[in-house]
Amino acid sequence: MSALICGSLAFDTITVFPGRFADQILPEQIHILNTSFLVPTLRREFGGCAGNIAYTLKALGGEPVVMAAVGTDGGGYLERMNGLGIDTSFVRSVSDSHTAQAIIITDRDSNQITAFHPGAMQSAHLTPVRPRADIALAIVAPDGREAMISHAEQLAAAKIPFVFDPGQGLPMFDGADLLRFVDQASWVAVNDYEGRMLQDRTGLSAAEISRRPNIRGVVVTLGAEGCELWIDGQSQRVPGVPAAEVVDPTGCGDAFRGALLYGLERGWDLARCAALGNRVGAIKIATAGVQNHRLDPVALGLDTSA
């Protein structure tokens, strides 16, 4: 079975600041912030939440179907995904925009500052969800605002269970918007910061969200500490996996979600899905770039006979 991945395709310009942001930003002068960071290294990578999630899911042996939009410069990205065997039949090409672009600066403490240009992503809502017999579940990941709203509604109407993954798109929505997403989804996946913002805007804790009748589980990722799961108001901690080295945290959350979808495709319980996600996240963080990590399904103990 396949997983429909609704989200962004983007090019990531990734730079590394060898110092600490905290040493360059004066808290008492934040109202007149004017600073720059010398970044000796620069890479341009394929990125965007949908692309990143699909890359990991495919590498594990899953079957991602990407729903997104690219611009006039997106041909190379489509060729890459097709070459990896990723289904791009729901990717829209927009003739008057660039593909979305992210410019990311990471400091030595793995803190990040990101500027994002949405470009073609703003047209992603023009492609509707079309149910297919092979699509068993989906994820609504960060994308254009209208695309996230419409795709969640269409998935719910088609009775396709999906993960609501607001990510960096969460600030676009008020409490009422977020409650609608929660009440349409089957799972919610956030990091700890997003989890606090979700609680502030909806007035619901992770425990309370997990008790909603449609919700099968809430996943709160905690970086190196692993993640916390909430099911029917009860919490469970799934411990993190030590990384061989910390090279680049960009895209670790997306790698986790690719593994989460892999397990959900196969009917695993949420704890088993999260444990795989933690292992994959530890592999990803040891690799520069968001779609350069290599995964060995056999070494991960996955069944490759299907």
Protein backbone atom coordinates (compact mmCIF):
# COMPACT_ATOMS: atom_id res chain seq x y z
CA MET A 1 0.00 0.00 0.00
CA SER A 2 1.03 3.62 -0.53
CA ALA A 3 1.19 6.75 1.61
CA LEU A 4 0.12 10.11 0.16
CA ILE A 5 2.53 12.82 1.27
CA CYS A 6 1.01 16.31 1.06
CA GLY A 7 3.63 18.98 1.65
CA SER A 8 6.31 21.15 0.15
CA LEU A 9 9.06 20.50 -2.35
CA ALA A 10 11.85 23.02 -1.97
CA PHE A 11 15.50 23.72 -2.57
CA ASP A 12 17.48 24.19 0.64
CA THR A 13 20.49 26.47 0.77
CA ILE A 14 22.26 25.24 3.91
CA THR A 15 25.03 27.15 5.67
CA VAL A 16 26.87 26.59 8.93
CA PHE A 17 27.90 29.36 11.35
CA PRO A 18 30.84 28.01 13.38
CA GLY A 19 29.98 30.18 16.39
CA ARG A 20 26.89 30.57 18.57
CA PHE A 21 23.94 32.79 17.71
CA ALA A 22 23.68 33.64 21.41
CA ASP A 23 27.13 35.27 21.28
CA GLN A 24 26.14 37.50 18.36
CA ILE A 25 22.66 38.65 19.39
CA LEU A 26 22.36 41.14 22.24
CA PRO A 27 19.05 40.51 24.04
CA GLU A 28 18.74 44.14 25.14
CA GLN A 29 19.10 45.29 21.51
CA ILE A 30 16.71 42.81 19.94
CA HIS A 31 14.32 45.63 18.97
CA ILE A 32 16.98 47.04 16.61
CA LEU A 33 18.51 43.76 15.51
CA ASN A 34 21.10 44.21 12.77
CA THR A 35 23.62 41.41 12.59
CA SER A 36 25.29 39.10 10.11
CA PHE A 37 26.91 35.69 10.30
CA LEU A 38 30.00 34.59 8.42
CA VAL A 39 29.20 31.15 6.98
CA PRO A 40 32.30 29.53 5.42
CA THR A 41 30.37 26.60 3.91
CA LEU A 42 27.31 26.55 1.66
CA ARG A 43 25.39 23.70 0.03
CA ARG A 44 22.26 23.59 -2.13
CA GLU A 45 20.18 20.50 -1.49
CA PHE A 46 16.86 19.00 -2.51
CA GLY A 47 14.44 19.57 0.37
CA GLY A 48 10.93 20.47 1.42
CA CYS A 49 8.94 18.37 3.87
CA ALA A 50 7.20 16.23 1.25
CA GLY A 51 10.44 15.46 -0.57
CA ASN A 52 12.31 14.70 2.64
CA ILE A 53 9.60 12.43 4.05
CA ALA A 54 9.21 10.61 0.73
CA TYR A 55 12.98 10.08 0.45
CA THR A 56 13.18 8.30 3.81
CA LEU A 57 9.97 6.33 3.32
CA LYS A 58 11.17 5.06 -0.07
CA ALA A 59 14.63 4.22 1.32
CA LEU A 60 12.97 2.06 3.97
CA GLY A 61 10.97 0.19 1.36
CA GLY A 62 7.71 2.14 1.54
CA GLU A 63 5.67 3.52 -1.33
CA PRO A 64 5.35 7.32 -1.14
CA VAL A 65 3.07 9.31 -3.43
CA VAL A 66 3.99 13.00 -3.37
CA MET A 67 1.37 15.77 -3.64
CA ALA A 68 3.11 19.13 -4.03
CA ALA A 69 3.96 21.92 -6.47
CA VAL A 70 7.20 22.93 -8.17
CA GLY A 71 8.11 25.96 -10.28
CA THR A 72 9.97 26.53 -13.52
CA ASP A 73 13.21 25.33 -11.95
CA GLY A 74 11.69 22.09 -10.60
CA GLY A 75 12.40 19.74 -13.49
CA GLY A 76 15.57 18.40 -11.93
CA TYR A 77 13.77 17.67 -8.68
CA LEU A 78 11.08 15.67 -10.48
CA GLU A 79 13.77 13.72 -12.35
CA ARG A 80 15.48 12.91 -9.05
CA MET A 81 12.29 11.65 -7.42
CA ASN A 82 11.31 9.62 -10.46
CA GLY A 83 14.79 8.12 -10.51
CA LEU A 84 14.32 7.04 -6.90
CA GLY A 85 11.03 5.38 -7.79
CA ILE A 86 8.89 7.96 -6.00
CA ASP A 87 5.42 8.53 -7.50
CA THR A 88 5.12 12.19 -8.63
CA SER A 89 1.81 11.90 -10.46
CA PHE A 90 0.21 14.40 -8.05
CA VAL A 91 2.99 17.01 -8.35
CA ARG A 92 1.84 20.22 -10.08
CA SER A 93 4.27 22.24 -12.23
CA VAL A 94 3.65 26.00 -12.01
CA SER A 95 4.85 28.05 -14.98
CA ASP A 96 5.11 31.49 -13.36
CA SER A 97 6.91 30.75 -10.07
CA HIS A 98 10.14 29.39 -8.71
CA THR A 99 10.14 26.24 -6.64
CA ALA A 100 10.03 27.05 -2.92
CA GLN A 101 13.39 28.00 -1.42
CA ALA A 102 14.70 27.72 2.14
CA ILE A 103 17.87 29.44 3.37
CA ILE A 104 19.06 27.84 6.60
CA ILE A 105 21.84 28.89 8.99
CA THR A 106 22.85 26.40 11.69
CA ASP A 107 25.15 27.34 14.59
CA ARG A 108 27.51 25.11 16.55
CA ASP A 109 24.77 24.30 19.08
CA SER A 110 22.45 23.07 16.28
CA ASN A 111 20.21 26.14 16.61
CA GLN A 112 18.78 27.24 13.28
CA ILE A 113 17.58 30.44 11.59
CA THR A 114 15.59 29.89 8.39
CA ALA A 115 14.22 32.22 5.72
CA PHE A 116 11.63 30.66 3.42
CA HIS A 117 10.23 31.76 0.04
CA PRO A 118 7.06 29.76 -0.78
CA GLY A 119 7.04 30.25 -4.55
CA ALA A 120 5.07 27.50 -6.34
CA MET A 121 3.99 26.06 -3.01
CA GLN A 122 1.29 28.74 -2.93
CA SER A 123 -0.44 26.91 -5.80
CA ALA A 124 -0.39 23.47 -4.15
CA HIS A 125 -4.05 23.74 -3.18
CA LEU A 126 -5.05 23.65 -6.85
CA THR A 127 -4.36 19.91 -6.92
CA PRO A 128 -7.14 18.07 -5.06
CA VAL A 129 -6.81 14.76 -3.26
CA ARG A 130 -8.04 12.00 -5.58
CA PRO A 131 -8.59 8.73 -3.71
CA ARG A 132 -6.81 5.74 -5.20
CA ALA A 133 -7.21 2.11 -4.22
CA ASP A 134 -3.52 1.81 -3.27
CA ILE A 135 -3.44 4.85 -0.94
CA ALA A 136 -3.96 3.59 2.61
CA LEU A 137 -2.97 6.66 4.62
CA ALA A 138 -1.52 10.13 4.25
CA ILE A 139 0.30 12.96 5.97
CA VAL A 140 -0.50 16.68 5.82
CA ALA A 141 2.92 18.26 6.28
CA PRO A 142 3.91 21.95 6.03
CA ASP A 143 2.73 23.42 2.73
CA GLY A 144 0.80 26.45 1.54
CA ARG A 145 -1.93 27.46 3.99
CA GLU A 146 -4.80 26.77 1.59
CA ALA A 147 -3.27 23.46 0.53
CA MET A 148 -3.01 22.22 4.12
CA ILE A 149 -6.62 23.19 4.83
CA SER A 150 -8.11 21.77 1.62
CA HIS A 151 -6.07 18.55 1.61
CA ALA A 152 -6.98 17.80 5.23
CA GLU A 153 -10.67 18.34 4.44
CA GLN A 154 -10.46 16.17 1.31
CA LEU A 155 -8.64 13.35 3.11
CA ALA A 156 -11.22 13.38 5.89
CA ALA A 157 -14.07 13.34 3.37
CA ALA A 158 -12.44 10.40 1.57
CA LYS A 159 -11.99 8.62 4.93
CA ILE A 160 -8.25 8.30 4.38
CA PRO A 161 -6.54 8.32 7.80
CA PHE A 162 -3.77 10.90 7.99
CA VAL A 163 -1.07 12.36 10.19
CA PHE A 164 -1.41 16.08 10.91
CA ASP A 165 2.14 17.44 10.95
CA PRO A 166 1.89 21.25 11.16
CA GLY A 167 5.63 21.83 11.64
CA GLN A 168 6.84 25.30 10.75
CA GLY A 169 3.43 25.99 9.20
CA LEU A 170 1.75 25.99 12.60
CA PRO A 171 1.96 29.81 13.13
CA MET A 172 -0.24 30.31 10.02
CA PHE A 173 -3.26 28.92 11.89
CA ASP A 174 -5.31 30.13 14.83
CA GLY A 175 -6.85 27.91 17.48
CA ALA A 176 -10.07 27.25 15.55
CA ASP A 177 -8.11 26.23 12.43
CA LEU A 178 -5.92 23.87 14.43
CA LEU A 179 -8.90 22.28 16.16
CA ARG A 180 -10.41 21.52 12.76
CA PHE A 181 -7.19 19.81 11.70
CA VAL A 182 -7.09 17.82 14.93
CA ASP A 183 -10.69 16.69 14.50
CA GLN A 184 -10.04 15.52 10.93
CA ALA A 185 -6.75 13.70 11.55
CA SER A 186 -6.00 10.24 12.93
CA TRP A 187 -2.58 11.11 14.35
CA VAL A 188 -0.82 14.36 15.32
CA ALA A 189 2.97 14.71 15.11
CA VAL A 190 4.82 17.73 16.52
CA ASN A 191 8.13 18.52 18.15
CA ASP A 192 8.15 19.75 21.74
CA TYR A 193 8.12 23.46 20.79
CA GLU A 194 5.30 22.97 18.28
CA GLY A 195 3.46 20.93 20.90
CA ARG A 196 3.52 23.84 23.31
CA MET A 197 2.34 26.23 20.60
CA LEU A 198 -0.45 23.83 19.63
CA GLN A 199 -1.56 23.68 23.26
CA ASP A 200 -1.46 27.47 23.62
CA ARG A 201 -3.57 28.02 20.51
CA THR A 202 -6.12 25.25 20.98
CA GLY A 203 -6.28 25.21 24.77
CA LEU A 204 -5.82 21.43 24.65
CA SER A 205 -2.90 19.48 26.08
CA ALA A 206 -1.38 16.52 24.24
CA ALA A 207 -3.27 14.24 26.62
CA GLU A 208 -6.55 15.96 25.82
CA ILE A 209 -5.92 15.85 22.06
CA SER A 210 -5.17 12.13 22.34
CA ARG A 211 -8.61 11.58 23.89
CA ARG A 212 -10.46 13.05 20.89
CA PRO A 213 -12.54 10.21 19.42
CA ASN A 214 -10.84 10.29 16.01
CA ILE A 215 -7.26 10.49 17.29
CA ARG A 216 -5.26 7.27 17.45
CA GLY A 217 -2.17 8.89 18.92
CA VAL A 218 -0.11 12.05 19.44
CA VAL A 219 3.65 11.99 18.84
CA VAL A 220 5.85 14.67 20.43
CA THR A 221 9.47 14.40 19.30
CA LEU A 222 12.17 15.47 21.78
CA GLY A 223 15.33 15.45 19.67
CA ALA A 224 18.09 13.32 21.15
CA GLU A 225 15.81 12.43 24.06
CA GLY A 226 13.52 10.41 21.79
CA CYS A 227 9.80 11.09 21.79
CA GLU A 228 6.69 11.04 23.92
CA LEU A 229 3.55 9.27 22.80
CA TRP A 230 0.03 10.01 23.98
CA ILE A 231 -2.74 7.46 23.42
CA ASP A 232 -6.15 7.84 25.07
CA GLY A 233 -4.69 10.27 27.59
CA GLN A 234 -1.82 8.01 28.63
CA SER A 235 1.82 8.84 27.90
CA GLN A 236 4.72 6.62 26.97
CA ARG A 237 8.34 7.66 26.44
CA VAL A 238 10.27 6.05 23.58
CA PRO A 239 13.98 6.64 24.28
CA GLY A 240 16.28 8.27 21.77
CA VAL A 241 19.08 6.53 19.92
CA PRO A 242 22.62 7.95 20.26
CA ALA A 243 23.98 9.24 16.98
CA ALA A 244 27.43 8.23 15.76
CA GLU A 245 28.07 11.97 15.37
CA VAL A 246 26.07 15.17 15.11
CA VAL A 247 26.68 16.68 11.67
CA ASP A 248 23.44 18.32 10.49
CA PRO A 249 20.06 18.37 12.30
CA THR A 250 18.21 19.74 9.26
CA GLY A 251 15.53 17.29 8.16
CA CYS A 252 15.72 14.95 11.16
CA GLY A 253 12.03 15.51 11.91
CA ASP A 254 11.10 14.64 8.33
CA ALA A 255 13.24 11.50 8.46
CA PHE A 256 11.40 10.50 11.64
CA ARG A 257 8.06 11.02 9.92
CA GLY A 258 9.11 8.91 6.94
CA ALA A 259 9.80 6.07 9.36
CA LEU A 260 6.54 6.75 11.18
CA LEU A 261 4.61 6.36 7.94
CA TYR A 262 6.51 3.18 7.11
CA GLY A 263 5.32 1.59 10.34
CA LEU A 264 1.78 2.91 10.07
CA GLU A 265 1.56 1.50 6.50
CA ARG A 266 2.24 -1.90 8.01
CA GLY A 267 -0.15 -1.64 10.93
CA TRP A 268 2.55 -1.38 13.61
CA ASP A 269 1.69 0.01 17.02
CA LEU A 270 2.76 3.62 17.56
CA ALA A 271 5.63 2.79 19.92
CA ARG A 272 7.25 0.52 17.34
CA CYS A 273 6.83 3.21 14.66
CA ALA A 274 8.44 5.80 16.95
CA ALA A 275 11.34 3.51 17.83
CA LEU A 276 12.15 3.13 14.14
CA GLY A 277 11.80 6.90 13.73
CA ASN A 278 14.34 7.50 16.50
CA ARG A 279 16.82 5.11 14.87
CA VAL A 280 16.40 6.73 11.46
CA GLY A 281 16.71 10.21 12.99
CA ALA A 282 20.04 9.22 14.55
CA ILE A 283 21.28 8.05 11.15
CA LYS A 284 20.11 11.24 9.44
CA ILE A 285 21.76 13.64 11.92
CA ALA A 286 25.15 12.06 11.19
CA THR A 287 24.85 13.02 7.50
CA ALA A 288 25.08 16.48 5.92
CA GLY A 289 21.98 17.45 3.93
CA VAL A 290 18.38 16.36 4.18
CA GLN A 291 18.26 13.66 1.49
CA ASN A 292 21.75 12.18 1.60
CA HIS A 293 21.48 9.63 4.41
CA ARG A 294 21.64 5.98 3.45
CA LEU A 295 19.34 3.43 5.05
CA ASP A 296 19.78 -0.33 5.06
CA PRO A 297 16.39 -1.96 5.70
CA VAL A 298 18.04 -5.29 6.48
CA ALA A 299 20.35 -3.74 9.09
CA LEU A 300 17.32 -2.02 10.59
CA GLY A 301 15.59 -5.37 10.92
CA LEU A 302 12.86 -4.64 8.39
CA ASP A 303 11.08 -7.26 6.34
CA THR A 304 12.15 -6.81 2.72
CA SER A 305 10.43 -9.89 1.36
CA ALA A 306 7.26 -8.06 0.27
